[in-house]
Amino acid sequence: MAAFGLTAADLAEDDLQVWPDLWPALRVFEALGTQWRIAPGGPYGLDYTALPVVASMLGIGRRALGALFPDLRAMEAEALAVMAQSRE
Protein backbone atom coordinates (compact mmCIF):
# COMPACT_ATOMS: atom_id res chain seq x y z
CA MET A 1 0.00 0.00 0.00
CA ALA A 2 2.89 2.34 0.72
CA ALA A 3 3.86 2.25 -2.97
CA PHE A 4 0.49 3.83 -3.65
CA GLY A 5 0.78 6.41 -0.89
CA LEU A 6 -1.73 4.61 1.35
CA THR A 7 -1.73 3.33 4.88
CA ALA A 8 -4.00 0.74 6.48
CA ALA A 9 -5.96 3.61 8.03
CA ASP A 10 -6.90 4.81 4.51
CA LEU A 11 -8.86 1.64 3.83
CA ALA A 12 -11.75 0.20 5.73
CA GLU A 13 -12.06 -3.59 5.62
CA ASP A 14 -15.24 -3.46 3.59
CA ASP A 15 -13.64 -1.17 0.97
CA LEU A 16 -11.77 -4.06 -0.63
CA GLN A 17 -13.85 -6.36 -2.72
CA VAL A 18 -12.39 -8.52 -5.46
CA TRP A 19 -14.42 -10.38 -8.04
CA PRO A 20 -13.61 -14.09 -7.79
CA ASP A 21 -12.38 -14.30 -11.40
CA LEU A 22 -9.83 -11.53 -10.69
CA TRP A 23 -8.51 -13.05 -7.47
CA PRO A 24 -5.66 -15.03 -9.12
CA ALA A 25 -4.41 -11.93 -10.97
CA LEU A 26 -4.53 -9.91 -7.76
CA ARG A 27 -2.56 -12.59 -5.91
CA VAL A 28 0.14 -12.55 -8.60
CA PHE A 29 0.20 -8.74 -8.72
CA GLU A 30 0.62 -8.52 -4.95
CA ALA A 31 3.36 -11.16 -4.99
CA LEU A 32 5.23 -9.16 -7.65
CA GLY A 33 5.28 -6.12 -5.36
CA THR A 34 9.08 -6.15 -5.13
CA GLN A 35 9.58 -6.72 -8.86
CA TRP A 36 9.16 -3.20 -10.24
CA ARG A 37 11.62 -2.04 -12.86
CA ILE A 38 12.87 1.40 -11.85
CA ALA A 39 14.55 4.15 -13.90
CA PRO A 40 15.65 7.64 -12.82
CA GLY A 41 12.11 8.88 -13.50
CA GLY A 42 10.54 6.20 -11.31
CA PRO A 43 8.95 2.79 -11.91
CA TYR A 44 8.09 1.93 -15.50
CA GLY A 45 6.75 -1.61 -15.26
CA LEU A 46 6.91 -4.99 -13.62
CA ASP A 47 9.81 -7.36 -14.25
CA TYR A 48 8.03 -10.05 -16.27
CA THR A 49 10.95 -12.44 -15.95
CA ALA A 50 9.79 -13.10 -12.38
CA LEU A 51 6.21 -13.76 -13.45
CA PRO A 52 6.40 -17.52 -14.21
CA VAL A 53 8.27 -18.27 -10.99
CA VAL A 54 5.89 -16.24 -8.84
CA ALA A 55 2.81 -17.75 -10.49
CA SER A 56 4.21 -21.24 -10.04
CA MET A 57 4.87 -20.60 -6.36
CA LEU A 58 1.23 -19.56 -6.03
CA GLY A 59 0.07 -22.75 -7.75
CA ILE A 60 -0.96 -20.98 -10.96
CA GLY A 61 -0.08 -22.94 -14.09
CA ARG A 62 1.20 -21.59 -17.41
CA ARG A 63 -2.17 -21.75 -19.17
CA ALA A 64 -3.93 -19.96 -16.31
CA LEU A 65 -1.14 -17.39 -16.21
CA GLY A 66 -1.71 -16.60 -19.87
CA ALA A 67 -5.40 -16.08 -19.19
CA LEU A 68 -4.83 -13.71 -16.28
CA PHE A 69 -2.03 -11.72 -17.94
CA PRO A 70 -4.36 -9.02 -19.39
CA ASP A 71 -5.80 -8.42 -15.90
CA LEU A 72 -2.29 -8.21 -14.47
CA ARG A 73 -1.34 -5.67 -17.16
CA ALA A 74 -4.40 -3.56 -16.28
CA MET A 75 -3.38 -3.54 -12.60
CA GLU A 76 0.18 -2.65 -13.57
CA ALA A 77 -1.00 0.27 -15.72
CA GLU A 78 -3.22 1.64 -12.97
CA ALA A 79 -0.48 1.27 -10.35
CA LEU A 80 1.96 3.13 -12.61
CA ALA A 81 -0.57 5.92 -13.09
CA VAL A 82 -1.10 6.23 -9.33
CA MET A 83 2.64 6.19 -8.64
CA ALA A 84 3.25 8.84 -11.32
CA GLN A 85 0.53 11.00 -9.84
CA SER A 86 2.12 10.79 -6.41
CA ARG A 87 5.39 12.11 -7.86
CA GLU A 88 3.70 15.25 -9.23
C-alpha atoms as a PDB file:
ATOM      1  CA  MET A   1       0.000   0.000   0.000  1.00  0.00           C
ATOM      2  CA  ALA A   2       2.894   2.340   0.720  1.00  0.00           C
ATOM      3  CA  ALA A   3       3.859   2.252  -2.974  1.00  0.00           C
ATOM      4  CA  PHE A   4       0.490   3.829  -3.654  1.00  0.00           C
ATOM      5  CA  GLY A   5       0.778   6.410  -0.886  1.00  0.00           C
ATOM      6  CA  LEU A   6      -1.728   4.609   1.346  1.00  0.00           C
ATOM      7  CA  THR A   7      -1.729   3.325   4.882  1.00  0.00           C
ATOM      8  CA  ALA A   8      -3.996   0.739   6.479  1.00  0.00           C
ATOM      9  CA  ALA A   9      -5.963   3.606   8.033  1.00  0.00           C
ATOM     10  CA  ASP A  10      -6.902   4.814   4.513  1.00  0.00           C
ATOM     11  CA  LEU A  11      -8.857   1.638   3.827  1.00  0.00           C
ATOM     12  CA  ALA A  12     -11.748   0.195   5.726  1.00  0.00           C
ATOM     13  CA  GLU A  13     -12.062  -3.586   5.624  1.00  0.00           C
ATOM     14  CA  ASP A  14     -15.243  -3.462   3.586  1.00  0.00           C
ATOM     15  CA  ASP A  15     -13.643  -1.167   0.975  1.00  0.00           C
ATOM     16  CA  LEU A  16     -11.766  -4.058  -0.629  1.00  0.00           C
ATOM     17  CA  GLN A  17     -13.851  -6.361  -2.723  1.00  0.00           C
ATOM     18  CA  VAL A  18     -12.388  -8.520  -5.465  1.00  0.00           C
ATOM     19  CA  TRP A  19     -14.418 -10.379  -8.045  1.00  0.00           C
ATOM     20  CA  PRO A  20     -13.606 -14.091  -7.788  1.00  0.00           C
ATOM     21  CA  ASP A  21     -12.384 -14.296 -11.399  1.00  0.00           C
ATOM     22  CA  LEU A  22      -9.832 -11.534 -10.695  1.00  0.00           C
ATOM     23  CA  TRP A  23      -8.509 -13.045  -7.475  1.00  0.00           C
ATOM     24  CA  PRO A  24      -5.661 -15.029  -9.119  1.00  0.00           C
ATOM     25  CA  ALA A  25      -4.408 -11.930 -10.967  1.00  0.00           C
ATOM     26  CA  LEU A  26      -4.529  -9.906  -7.759  1.00  0.00           C
ATOM     27  CA  ARG A  27      -2.556 -12.589  -5.910  1.00  0.00           C
ATOM     28  CA  VAL A  28       0.142 -12.549  -8.603  1.00  0.00           C
ATOM     29  CA  PHE A  29       0.199  -8.739  -8.717  1.00  0.00           C
ATOM     30  CA  GLU A  30       0.622  -8.523  -4.948  1.00  0.00           C
ATOM     31  CA  ALA A  31       3.363 -11.157  -4.986  1.00  0.00           C
ATOM     32  CA  LEU A  32       5.232  -9.164  -7.648  1.00  0.00           C
ATOM     33  CA  GLY A  33       5.277  -6.116  -5.364  1.00  0.00           C
ATOM     34  CA  THR A  34       9.079  -6.149  -5.129  1.00  0.00           C
ATOM     35  CA  GLN A  35       9.584  -6.716  -8.857  1.00  0.00           C
ATOM     36  CA  TRP A  36       9.156  -3.204 -10.245  1.00  0.00           C
ATOM     37  CA  ARG A  37      11.619  -2.035 -12.858  1.00  0.00           C
ATOM     38  CA  ILE A  38      12.869   1.403 -11.853  1.00  0.00           C
ATOM     39  CA  ALA A  39      14.546   4.149 -13.897  1.00  0.00           C
ATOM     40  CA  PRO A  40      15.651   7.638 -12.825  1.00  0.00           C
ATOM     41  CA  GLY A  41      12.109   8.878 -13.496  1.00  0.00           C
ATOM     42  CA  GLY A  42      10.538   6.196 -11.313  1.00  0.00           C
ATOM     43  CA  PRO A  43       8.953   2.790 -11.910  1.00  0.00           C
ATOM     44  CA  TYR A  44       8.095   1.929 -15.502  1.00  0.00           C
ATOM     45  CA  GLY A  45       6.750  -1.614 -15.255  1.00  0.00           C
ATOM     46  CA  LEU A  46       6.914  -4.995 -13.619  1.00  0.00           C
ATOM     47  CA  ASP A  47       9.809  -7.361 -14.253  1.00  0.00           C
ATOM     48  CA  TYR A  48       8.025 -10.047 -16.270  1.00  0.00           C
ATOM     49  CA  THR A  49      10.949 -12.440 -15.951  1.00  0.00           C
ATOM     50  CA  ALA A  50       9.792 -13.102 -12.384  1.00  0.00           C
ATOM     51  CA  LEU A  51       6.214 -13.761 -13.454  1.00  0.00           C
ATOM     52  CA  PRO A  52       6.397 -17.524 -14.212  1.00  0.00           C
ATOM     53  CA  VAL A  53       8.269 -18.275 -10.987  1.00  0.00           C
ATOM     54  CA  VAL A  54       5.890 -16.238  -8.843  1.00  0.00           C
ATOM     55  CA  ALA A  55       2.812 -17.749 -10.492  1.00  0.00           C
ATOM     56  CA  SER A  56       4.205 -21.244 -10.041  1.00  0.00           C
ATOM     57  CA  MET A  57       4.874 -20.603  -6.364  1.00  0.00           C
ATOM     58  CA  LEU A  58       1.232 -19.555  -6.028  1.00  0.00           C
ATOM     59  CA  GLY A  59       0.065 -22.747  -7.751  1.00  0.00           C
ATOM     60  CA  ILE A  60      -0.960 -20.981 -10.959  1.00  0.00           C
ATOM     61  CA  GLY A  61      -0.079 -22.939 -14.094  1.00  0.00           C
ATOM     62  CA  ARG A  62       1.195 -21.593 -17.411  1.00  0.00           C
ATOM     63  CA  ARG A  63      -2.168 -21.752 -19.170  1.00  0.00           C
ATOM     64  CA  ALA A  64      -3.931 -19.962 -16.311  1.00  0.00           C
ATOM     65  CA  LEU A  65      -1.137 -17.392 -16.211  1.00  0.00           C
ATOM     66  CA  GLY A  66      -1.709 -16.599 -19.872  1.00  0.00           C
ATOM     67  CA  ALA A  67      -5.405 -16.082 -19.188  1.00  0.00           C
ATOM     68  CA  LEU A  68      -4.831 -13.705 -16.285  1.00  0.00           C
ATOM     69  CA  PHE A  69      -2.027 -11.719 -17.942  1.00  0.00           C
ATOM     70  CA  PRO A  70      -4.359  -9.019 -19.391  1.00  0.00           C
ATOM     71  CA  ASP A  71      -5.796  -8.421 -15.903  1.00  0.00           C
ATOM     72  CA  LEU A  72      -2.292  -8.212 -14.470  1.00  0.00           C
ATOM     73  CA  ARG A  73      -1.341  -5.668 -17.160  1.00  0.00           C
ATOM     74  CA  ALA A  74      -4.405  -3.558 -16.283  1.00  0.00           C
ATOM     75  CA  MET A  75      -3.383  -3.539 -12.601  1.00  0.00           C
ATOM     76  CA  GLU A  76       0.176  -2.655 -13.570  1.00  0.00           C
ATOM     77  CA  ALA A  77      -0.997   0.270 -15.724  1.00  0.00           C
ATOM     78  CA  GLU A  78      -3.219   1.638 -12.970  1.00  0.00           C
ATOM     79  CA  ALA A  79      -0.477   1.268 -10.352  1.00  0.00           C
ATOM     80  CA  LEU A  80       1.962   3.125 -12.607  1.00  0.00           C
ATOM     81  CA  ALA A  81      -0.575   5.924 -13.091  1.00  0.00           C
ATOM     82  CA  VAL A  82      -1.099   6.231  -9.330  1.00  0.00           C
ATOM     83  CA  MET A  83       2.641   6.195  -8.642  1.00  0.00           C
ATOM     84  CA  ALA A  84       3.247   8.838 -11.324  1.00  0.00           C
ATOM     85  CA  GLN A  85       0.529  10.996  -9.838  1.00  0.00           C
ATOM     86  CA  SER A  86       2.119  10.786  -6.406  1.00  0.00           C
ATOM     87  CA  ARG A  87       5.394  12.112  -7.860  1.00  0.00           C
ATOM     88  CA  GLU A  88       3.704  15.249  -9.233  1.00  0.00           C
END
